Amino acid sequence: MRRPLLSLLVTVVIAVAFVPLAVVADDEEEEQDANATEYADYLNSVDIEPDERVIEIPSDGYRLGTLYNTDGNSYSDFDSIDSDDYHYNWEVGNFYVRGYQRVLDADNGDKIFLKTARETLKLYFVLDVDIDDCTPDGRSISISDDDNGYDENFCVGEVGFGRGTVIIRFTDYLNNPHTPVVYTNFFPSCEYGLANIVDLCQEGDYEVTLDYELKVKYKNRIGQTKYHYPNYKITFNFSVRNGNTMVYIRDLDSGEEIGNENIAPNGFVLDLAGAKYLHIQCRRMVFNEGANGLVADTRFNEPVRDGSTINREGIYEITVTNPYTPDVEPTKKTIYVGSDQVMMSFVSLGFSIEEINDYLSQGYSMDPDGHLISPTPFGGEISNSTITNDDKGESYNNTNTRLIIIVALVVVVATATTCTVISVRKIKKAARNSKTKE
């Protein structure tokens, strides 16, 4: 009697112990399969104009992808296609990208596509065969409905691949790989001979594979019809980067953009407008009194990030470079934070330290906006004669012009006086000569 009770107790304990494991396994499978979508559903929901979902084969499209025999339905191997392979000398189609301006080669051989901030890189696939009769030589090869395929490399389980499955894994600028996106039953929704949209690509790194299974009909030695189901994939990696070197300076209070050589009284924010791979270097300077006047002193010169807030008083030189376009000149901007007149003049008018010291030593003064006010030639002050960036090069001419005019007037008066004196002398001499003759 004890043995049956003991056996029953052991059975109950084992059952209770494995129930939670089964629930966890089911939850993991559901989580893993959450991003699997029929390609037809993706086409109906993709955020793109309808006339761009399926287009003519792009003449500017860049071809991507290499075909491999995976030697099993795990799609993990990378066997090359040899002359004995069912897939020898024909392809189901090709992937293309468009919306780029330049193509670079990464160190590992992958392609890097540079685009402008206004563009979106688009990934297309062109189907080149009839999926029910892939080869024209009568070998009876078609695309199979793969119901037990899975991808070890992308950690995608048996989601029902159908007749071809596209898997895309995106890695962002922080090197975070996102959960792969899976489009099942891919081929039936592709229009033959046209480019079908597959993905809209932002900045980042992409891993792409198209997994599919062939159905090959053949006869064995005794004439029976048999089928073979080899597995293949077209796979490739690529990266997308913005090719610009632009940074926007936004006022900390208003959020409005500030132009170069301008003033942000309370600070500013750096905005790269979505370009995540640019390098920003920020140099902060202040002016101190030196033996010969004002002296610029660099307080720091260090890298900063997109979205950084700068609010300490000082003159900031912002330099932006793009590591993918070393041949492009860096973008440089100068902004002043604060209300010091000398610094405002340095930034907004573009004067050098030497020029400011020179002007101040000549008796120039500054208005509240940092504009230099020139003195009159006689030591007085002309309040409305401020120097701006437009007439910076004419700074000395204001005073010199007045001096030239005065000198010219003196010369004219002197010349006229001299001429008058000479004329009077001639007249007197002529009068004396006339009396002598009489």
Protein backbone atom coordinates (compact mmCIF):
# COMPACT_ATOMS: atom_id res chain seq x y z
CA MET A 1 0.00 0.00 0.00
CA ARG A 2 2.89 2.31 0.80
CA ARG A 3 4.58 1.88 -2.57
CA PRO A 4 1.56 3.06 -4.65
CA LEU A 5 1.19 6.10 -2.37
CA LEU A 6 4.89 6.88 -2.66
CA SER A 7 4.79 6.59 -6.46
CA LEU A 8 1.77 8.89 -6.60
CA LEU A 9 3.48 11.46 -4.40
CA VAL A 10 6.61 11.46 -6.58
CA THR A 11 4.51 11.91 -9.70
CA VAL A 12 2.68 14.91 -8.22
CA VAL A 13 5.95 16.55 -7.12
CA ILE A 14 7.49 16.14 -10.58
CA ALA A 15 4.40 17.52 -12.28
CA VAL A 16 4.29 20.57 -10.02
CA ALA A 17 8.01 21.18 -10.52
CA PHE A 18 7.81 21.20 -14.34
CA VAL A 19 4.61 23.23 -14.76
CA PRO A 20 6.32 26.58 -14.05
CA LEU A 21 9.16 25.67 -16.42
CA ALA A 22 6.69 24.98 -19.18
CA VAL A 23 4.94 28.31 -18.54
CA VAL A 24 8.26 30.17 -18.65
CA ALA A 25 9.23 28.41 -21.88
CA ASP A 26 5.90 29.37 -23.44
CA ASP A 27 6.36 32.99 -22.35
CA GLU A 28 9.85 33.09 -23.84
CA GLU A 29 8.59 31.67 -27.10
CA GLU A 30 5.81 34.27 -27.25
CA GLU A 31 8.29 37.06 -26.52
CA GLN A 32 10.66 35.73 -29.16
CA ASP A 33 7.94 35.52 -31.76
CA ALA A 34 6.39 38.91 -30.96
CA ASN A 35 8.08 40.71 -33.88
CA ALA A 36 7.15 38.12 -36.52
CA THR A 37 4.82 39.68 -39.10
CA GLU A 38 3.54 38.53 -42.46
CA TYR A 39 5.23 40.57 -45.14
CA ALA A 40 1.84 41.37 -46.68
CA ASP A 41 0.79 43.04 -43.40
CA TYR A 42 4.01 45.06 -43.34
CA LEU A 43 3.38 46.32 -46.88
CA ASN A 44 -0.05 47.57 -45.84
CA SER A 45 1.26 49.41 -42.80
CA VAL A 46 4.69 50.76 -43.76
CA ASP A 47 4.98 54.55 -43.40
CA ILE A 48 5.73 55.37 -47.01
CA GLU A 49 3.81 56.74 -49.97
CA PRO A 50 1.88 53.96 -51.77
CA ASP A 51 3.66 54.67 -55.05
CA GLU A 52 7.03 54.05 -53.34
CA ARG A 53 6.16 50.63 -51.91
CA VAL A 54 6.62 48.89 -55.23
CA ILE A 55 8.67 50.67 -57.88
CA GLU A 56 10.58 50.02 -61.06
CA ILE A 57 14.04 48.59 -60.56
CA PRO A 58 16.05 51.63 -59.43
CA SER A 59 18.83 52.64 -61.79
CA ASP A 60 20.70 54.17 -58.84
CA GLY A 61 20.13 51.20 -56.54
CA TYR A 62 23.19 49.66 -54.91
CA ARG A 63 23.07 45.85 -54.93
CA LEU A 64 23.68 43.97 -51.69
CA GLY A 65 23.71 40.34 -50.58
CA THR A 66 25.55 37.03 -50.98
CA LEU A 67 23.86 33.67 -51.53
CA TYR A 68 24.80 30.72 -49.29
CA ASN A 69 23.71 27.12 -48.84
CA THR A 70 22.88 26.77 -45.12
CA ASP A 71 22.97 22.95 -45.04
CA GLY A 72 19.92 22.66 -42.77
CA ASN A 73 16.81 24.45 -41.58
CA SER A 74 18.68 26.31 -38.81
CA TYR A 75 20.11 28.62 -41.50
CA SER A 76 23.39 28.81 -39.59
CA ASP A 77 25.98 27.68 -42.16
CA PHE A 78 27.64 29.71 -44.90
CA ASP A 79 28.47 27.17 -47.60
CA SER A 80 29.33 28.57 -51.00
CA ILE A 81 27.34 27.55 -54.08
CA ASP A 82 29.28 25.09 -56.22
CA SER A 83 28.48 23.51 -59.57
CA ASP A 84 26.70 20.53 -57.97
CA ASP A 85 24.29 22.72 -56.03
CA TYR A 86 20.61 23.02 -56.97
CA HIS A 87 21.03 26.80 -56.78
CA TYR A 88 24.01 26.95 -59.11
CA ASN A 89 23.94 29.73 -61.71
CA TRP A 90 20.58 31.30 -60.81
CA GLU A 91 19.17 33.63 -58.12
CA VAL A 92 15.71 34.27 -56.73
CA GLY A 93 16.39 38.02 -56.68
CA ASN A 94 18.50 40.79 -55.23
CA PHE A 95 18.40 43.49 -52.57
CA TYR A 96 19.03 47.13 -53.43
CA VAL A 97 19.34 50.34 -51.43
CA ARG A 98 18.65 53.85 -52.61
CA GLY A 99 18.50 57.31 -51.08
CA TYR A 100 22.24 57.65 -50.45
CA GLN A 101 24.86 60.10 -51.71
CA ARG A 102 28.11 58.20 -51.19
CA VAL A 103 29.27 54.64 -50.51
CA LEU A 104 32.25 53.87 -48.29
CA ASP A 105 33.99 50.62 -47.41
CA ALA A 106 34.23 49.72 -43.73
CA ASP A 107 37.35 47.98 -42.41
CA ASN A 108 35.50 44.63 -42.43
CA GLY A 109 34.34 45.07 -46.03
CA ASP A 110 30.74 46.05 -45.22
CA LYS A 111 29.27 49.07 -46.98
CA ILE A 112 28.60 52.41 -45.32
CA PHE A 113 25.98 54.58 -47.02
CA LEU A 114 26.14 58.33 -46.46
CA LYS A 115 22.91 60.25 -46.82
CA THR A 116 21.72 63.80 -46.19
CA ALA A 117 19.57 64.73 -43.21
CA ARG A 118 16.59 65.13 -45.57
CA GLU A 119 16.85 61.63 -47.04
CA THR A 120 15.66 58.23 -45.85
CA LEU A 121 17.60 55.20 -47.02
CA LYS A 122 15.23 52.59 -48.48
CA LEU A 123 15.92 48.86 -48.79
CA TYR A 124 14.19 47.06 -51.69
CA PHE A 125 14.04 43.52 -52.98
CA VAL A 126 13.59 42.58 -56.65
CA LEU A 127 12.06 39.14 -57.28
CA ASP A 128 13.56 37.65 -60.45
CA VAL A 129 11.83 34.24 -60.65
CA ASP A 130 8.44 32.59 -60.64
CA ILE A 131 8.36 31.09 -57.13
CA ASP A 132 6.35 28.09 -58.43
CA ASP A 133 8.86 27.34 -61.18
CA CYS A 134 12.19 28.91 -60.34
CA THR A 135 14.29 27.56 -63.21
CA PRO A 136 13.46 27.53 -66.92
CA ASP A 137 15.37 24.30 -67.58
CA GLY A 138 12.63 21.99 -66.35
CA ARG A 139 14.30 20.93 -63.11
CA SER A 140 11.04 21.38 -61.14
CA ILE A 141 12.39 23.69 -58.44
CA SER A 142 10.04 25.94 -56.47
CA ILE A 143 9.98 27.87 -53.21
CA SER A 144 8.84 25.60 -50.39
CA ASP A 145 6.58 26.44 -47.47
CA ASP A 146 9.06 26.11 -44.60
CA ASP A 147 7.02 25.34 -41.47
CA ASN A 148 9.88 24.21 -39.23
CA GLY A 149 12.69 26.63 -40.08
CA TYR A 150 14.48 28.74 -37.48
CA ASP A 151 17.52 31.01 -37.52
CA GLU A 152 20.26 30.34 -34.99
CA ASN A 153 22.31 33.41 -35.91
CA PHE A 154 19.42 35.79 -35.19
CA CYS A 155 17.94 33.70 -32.34
CA VAL A 156 14.59 33.42 -34.14
CA GLY A 157 12.62 30.28 -33.34
CA GLU A 158 10.10 28.31 -35.37
CA VAL A 159 7.66 31.05 -36.29
CA GLY A 160 6.46 29.48 -39.51
CA PHE A 161 8.81 30.96 -42.09
CA GLY A 162 6.43 30.18 -44.95
CA ARG A 163 7.74 30.81 -48.44
CA GLY A 164 10.75 32.92 -47.46
CA THR A 165 11.42 35.02 -44.36
CA VAL A 166 13.33 38.29 -44.05
CA ILE A 167 15.05 39.01 -40.74
CA ILE A 168 16.51 42.44 -39.93
CA ARG A 169 18.48 43.30 -36.83
CA PHE A 170 19.22 46.97 -36.15
CA THR A 171 21.99 48.23 -33.86
CA ASP A 172 21.77 51.87 -32.78
CA TYR A 173 24.51 54.44 -32.19
CA LEU A 174 24.90 53.30 -28.58
CA ASN A 175 25.79 49.80 -29.85
CA ASN A 176 22.49 48.38 -28.58
CA PRO A 177 21.21 45.56 -30.84
CA HIS A 178 17.42 45.68 -31.15
CA THR A 179 15.15 42.67 -31.27
CA PRO A 180 15.15 41.32 -34.85
CA VAL A 181 12.19 42.20 -37.06
CA VAL A 182 10.83 39.15 -38.89
CA TYR A 183 8.74 39.26 -42.10
CA THR A 184 7.39 35.78 -42.87
CA ASN A 185 5.93 34.40 -46.09
CA PHE A 186 7.92 36.99 -47.98
CA PHE A 187 7.94 35.84 -51.62
CA PRO A 188 4.18 35.52 -52.26
CA SER A 189 3.68 39.24 -51.56
CA CYS A 190 6.57 40.39 -53.78
CA GLU A 191 5.66 41.59 -57.24
CA TYR A 192 7.75 39.83 -59.87
CA GLY A 193 10.28 42.00 -61.73
CA LEU A 194 9.72 45.05 -59.51
CA ALA A 195 11.45 46.52 -56.45
CA ASN A 196 9.46 45.82 -53.28
CA ILE A 197 10.09 47.89 -50.17
CA VAL A 198 11.65 45.96 -47.29
CA ASP A 199 12.75 48.59 -44.77
CA LEU A 200 13.20 52.32 -44.13
CA CYS A 201 16.65 52.77 -42.66
CA GLN A 202 17.80 55.39 -40.18
CA GLU A 203 21.33 55.94 -38.90
CA GLY A 204 22.77 52.76 -37.47
CA ASP A 205 24.03 49.30 -38.40
CA TYR A 206 21.96 46.61 -40.10
CA GLU A 207 22.18 42.84 -40.39
CA VAL A 208 19.84 41.34 -42.99
CA THR A 209 19.07 37.80 -44.09
CA LEU A 210 16.50 36.26 -46.40
CA ASP A 211 15.99 32.61 -45.40
CA TYR A 212 14.11 30.27 -47.72
CA GLU A 213 13.72 26.62 -48.56
CA LEU A 214 13.59 25.10 -52.03
CA LYS A 215 11.37 22.20 -53.05
CA VAL A 216 13.26 20.08 -55.58
CA LYS A 217 11.36 17.34 -57.39
CA TYR A 218 13.31 14.32 -58.59
CA LYS A 219 12.95 10.58 -59.27
CA ASN A 220 14.88 7.94 -57.42
CA ARG A 221 16.54 4.93 -58.98
CA ILE A 222 13.33 2.95 -59.22
CA GLY A 223 11.42 5.83 -60.80
CA GLN A 224 9.55 7.05 -57.74
CA THR A 225 8.89 10.80 -57.42
CA LYS A 226 10.69 12.27 -54.44
CA TYR A 227 11.29 15.76 -53.04
CA HIS A 228 14.38 17.32 -51.54
CA TYR A 229 14.26 20.47 -49.36
CA PRO A 230 17.61 22.32 -49.27
CA ASN A 231 17.86 25.61 -47.37
CA TYR A 232 19.48 28.87 -48.50
CA LYS A 233 19.94 32.45 -47.43
CA ILE A 234 20.90 35.78 -48.94
CA THR A 235 22.66 37.75 -46.23
CA PHE A 236 24.56 41.01 -45.81
CA ASN A 237 25.41 43.81 -43.36
CA PHE A 238 25.55 47.54 -43.96
CA SER A 239 25.59 50.86 -42.11
CA VAL A 240 23.82 54.18 -42.59
CA ARG A 241 25.34 57.52 -41.60
CA ASN A 242 24.42 61.15 -42.15
CA GLY A 243 27.07 62.79 -44.29
CA ASN A 244 26.62 66.32 -42.93
CA THR A 245 28.70 68.15 -40.31
CA MET A 246 25.97 70.47 -39.09
CA VAL A 247 25.17 71.57 -35.55
CA TYR A 248 22.34 73.84 -34.47
CA ILE A 249 22.82 76.19 -31.51
CA ARG A 250 19.55 76.81 -29.67
CA ASP A 251 19.02 79.54 -27.09
CA LEU A 252 18.50 78.03 -23.64
CA ASP A 253 15.56 80.33 -22.84
CA SER A 254 13.65 80.54 -26.13
CA GLY A 255 14.74 77.37 -27.92
CA GLU A 256 15.27 79.44 -31.08
CA GLU A 257 18.26 78.80 -33.30
CA ILE A 258 21.20 81.15 -32.84
CA GLY A 259 23.46 82.00 -35.74
CA ASN A 260 27.23 81.93 -35.75
CA GLU A 261 29.11 84.70 -33.87
CA ASN A 262 26.13 85.49 -31.70
CA ILE A 263 25.15 85.87 -28.07
CA ALA A 264 23.12 83.63 -25.75
CA PRO A 265 22.86 85.60 -22.50
CA ASN A 266 21.88 82.62 -20.34
CA GLY A 267 23.26 79.70 -22.32
CA PHE A 268 22.54 77.40 -25.26
CA VAL A 269 21.87 73.78 -26.20
CA LEU A 270 23.66 71.76 -28.91
CA ASP A 271 21.40 70.08 -31.44
CA LEU A 272 22.78 67.70 -34.07
CA ALA A 273 19.33 67.24 -35.66
CA GLY A 274 19.41 63.47 -35.37
CA ALA A 275 22.96 62.95 -36.62
CA LYS A 276 24.31 60.55 -33.99
CA TYR A 277 27.85 59.87 -35.18
CA LEU A 278 29.30 63.38 -35.36
CA HIS A 279 32.15 64.54 -33.12
CA ILE A 280 31.74 67.85 -31.25
CA GLN A 281 34.63 69.67 -29.63
CA CYS A 282 33.90 72.64 -27.35
CA ARG A 283 36.48 75.23 -26.32
CA ARG A 284 35.64 77.76 -23.58
CA MET A 285 37.58 81.04 -23.30
CA VAL A 286 37.49 84.03 -20.97
CA PHE A 287 39.28 87.40 -21.06
CA ASN A 288 41.66 88.43 -18.28
CA GLU A 289 43.67 91.60 -17.74
CA GLY A 290 47.29 91.10 -18.76
CA ALA A 291 50.38 93.27 -18.82
CA ASN A 292 49.50 94.60 -22.28
CA GLY A 293 45.72 94.64 -21.99
CA LEU A 294 43.17 91.87 -22.34
CA VAL A 295 44.40 88.30 -22.75
CA ALA A 296 42.34 85.28 -23.90
CA ASP A 297 42.54 82.32 -21.52
CA THR A 298 41.29 78.84 -22.53
CA ARG A 299 39.46 77.25 -19.60
CA PHE A 300 38.68 73.91 -21.25
CA ASN A 301 38.75 72.26 -24.67
CA GLU A 302 36.88 68.96 -24.56
CA PRO A 303 34.37 66.76 -26.40
CA VAL A 304 30.65 67.26 -25.75
CA ARG A 305 27.54 65.35 -26.80
CA ASP A 306 24.36 66.04 -28.70
CA GLY A 307 21.89 67.77 -26.37
CA SER A 308 24.59 69.22 -24.09
CA THR A 309 23.61 72.42 -22.24
CA ILE A 310 26.20 75.20 -21.97
CA ASN A 311 25.38 77.95 -19.44
CA ARG A 312 28.64 79.13 -17.84
CA GLU A 313 29.83 82.57 -18.88
CA GLY A 314 32.47 82.54 -21.57
CA ILE A 315 33.20 82.48 -25.27
CA TYR A 316 32.62 79.06 -26.83
CA GLU A 317 34.12 77.78 -30.04
CA ILE A 318 32.15 74.77 -31.28
CA THR A 319 33.85 72.52 -33.85
CA VAL A 320 31.93 69.68 -35.53
CA THR A 321 33.62 66.95 -37.56
CA ASN A 322 32.29 63.85 -39.29
CA PRO A 323 34.61 60.82 -38.97
CA TYR A 324 33.15 59.41 -42.20
CA THR A 325 33.97 62.51 -44.26
CA PRO A 326 37.52 63.50 -43.26
CA ASP A 327 37.89 65.42 -46.53
CA VAL A 328 35.09 67.84 -45.54
CA GLU A 329 36.02 71.02 -43.69
CA PRO A 330 34.77 71.04 -40.07
CA THR A 331 31.87 73.30 -39.11
CA LYS A 332 32.87 75.97 -36.59
CA LYS A 333 30.65 78.33 -34.60
CA THR A 334 31.40 80.92 -31.93
CA ILE A 335 28.84 81.80 -29.23
CA TYR A 336 29.14 84.01 -26.16
CA VAL A 337 27.27 83.29 -22.93
CA GLY A 338 26.99 86.32 -20.65
CA SER A 339 26.77 90.12 -20.87
CA ASP A 340 30.37 91.37 -20.73
CA GLN A 341 30.85 94.12 -23.32
CA VAL A 342 34.36 93.13 -24.36
CA MET A 343 33.36 89.51 -24.97
CA MET A 344 30.24 90.58 -26.83
CA SER A 345 32.41 92.72 -29.12
CA PHE A 346 34.84 89.85 -29.64
CA VAL A 347 32.06 87.45 -30.67
CA SER A 348 29.40 89.50 -32.43
CA LEU A 349 31.76 91.90 -34.27
CA GLY A 350 34.58 89.46 -34.93
CA PHE A 351 37.35 91.66 -33.52
CA SER A 352 40.57 90.05 -32.38
CA ILE A 353 41.98 90.63 -28.89
CA GLU A 354 44.74 92.80 -30.38
CA GLU A 355 42.23 94.96 -32.22
CA ILE A 356 40.06 95.47 -29.13
CA ASN A 357 43.12 96.43 -27.06
CA ASP A 358 44.24 98.82 -29.80
CA TYR A 359 40.83 100.50 -30.02
CA LEU A 360 40.53 100.88 -26.26
CA SER A 361 44.02 102.38 -26.08
CA GLN A 362 42.95 104.99 -28.67
CA GLY A 363 40.09 106.15 -26.51
CA TYR A 364 37.28 104.06 -28.02
CA SER A 365 34.45 103.13 -25.68
CA MET A 366 31.72 100.49 -25.81
CA ASP A 367 27.97 100.64 -25.75
CA PRO A 368 25.89 98.04 -23.81
CA ASP A 369 25.77 95.75 -26.88
CA GLY A 370 29.56 95.62 -27.18
CA HIS A 371 29.79 98.01 -30.15
CA LEU A 372 32.89 100.21 -30.21
CA ILE A 373 32.24 103.96 -30.15
CA SER A 374 34.91 106.05 -31.83
CA PRO A 375 36.10 109.39 -30.42
CA THR A 376 36.05 112.60 -32.52
CA PRO A 377 39.35 113.93 -33.85
CA PHE A 378 39.19 116.60 -31.14
CA GLY A 379 38.74 114.22 -28.24
CA GLY A 380 34.95 114.36 -28.04
CA GLU A 381 32.70 111.34 -28.31
CA ILE A 382 30.28 110.61 -31.13
CA SER A 383 27.61 108.38 -29.67
CA ASN A 384 26.04 107.44 -32.98
CA SER A 385 29.31 106.48 -34.64
CA THR A 386 29.38 102.83 -33.52
CA ILE A 387 31.49 100.26 -35.33
CA THR A 388 29.75 97.12 -36.56
CA ASN A 389 30.98 93.94 -38.20
CA ASP A 390 30.19 95.41 -41.63
CA ASP A 391 32.52 98.35 -41.21
CA LYS A 392 35.13 96.66 -39.03
CA GLY A 393 37.73 97.09 -41.74
CA GLU A 394 36.95 100.83 -41.89
CA SER A 395 37.61 101.39 -38.18
CA TYR A 396 40.53 103.74 -38.67
CA ASN A 397 38.97 105.44 -41.67
CA ASN A 398 36.33 107.27 -39.58
CA THR A 399 38.98 109.31 -37.82
CA ASN A 400 41.38 109.48 -40.74
CA THR A 401 38.69 110.76 -43.10
CA ARG A 402 37.97 113.68 -40.80
CA LEU A 403 41.68 114.44 -40.53
CA ILE A 404 42.10 114.32 -44.29
CA ILE A 405 39.19 116.71 -44.77
CA ILE A 406 40.61 119.17 -42.24
CA VAL A 407 44.07 118.97 -43.77
CA ALA A 408 42.60 119.48 -47.21
CA LEU A 409 40.69 122.55 -46.02
CA VAL A 410 43.84 123.96 -44.43
CA VAL A 411 45.76 123.39 -47.64
CA VAL A 412 43.05 125.05 -49.70
CA VAL A 413 42.88 128.08 -47.39
CA ALA A 414 46.66 128.33 -47.29
CA THR A 415 46.89 128.12 -51.06
CA ALA A 416 44.20 130.75 -51.51
CA THR A 417 45.92 133.04 -49.02
CA THR A 418 49.26 132.60 -50.75
CA CYS A 419 47.74 133.32 -54.13
CA THR A 420 46.04 136.43 -52.77
CA VAL A 421 49.26 137.71 -51.24
CA ILE A 422 51.16 137.16 -54.48
CA SER A 423 48.45 138.89 -56.49
CA VAL A 424 48.47 141.93 -54.17
CA ARG A 425 52.25 142.19 -54.38
CA LYS A 426 52.12 142.06 -58.17
CA ILE A 427 49.53 144.81 -58.26
CA LYS A 428 51.57 147.06 -55.93
CA LYS A 429 54.73 146.46 -57.97
CA ALA A 430 52.93 147.29 -61.21
CA ALA A 431 51.66 150.53 -59.65
CA ARG A 432 55.15 151.59 -58.56
CA ASN A 433 56.57 150.89 -62.00
CA SER A 434 53.87 153.05 -63.59
CA LYS A 435 54.71 156.05 -61.34
CA THR A 436 58.40 155.75 -62.19
CA LYS A 437 57.77 156.02 -65.92
CA GLU A 438 55.69 159.12 -65.46
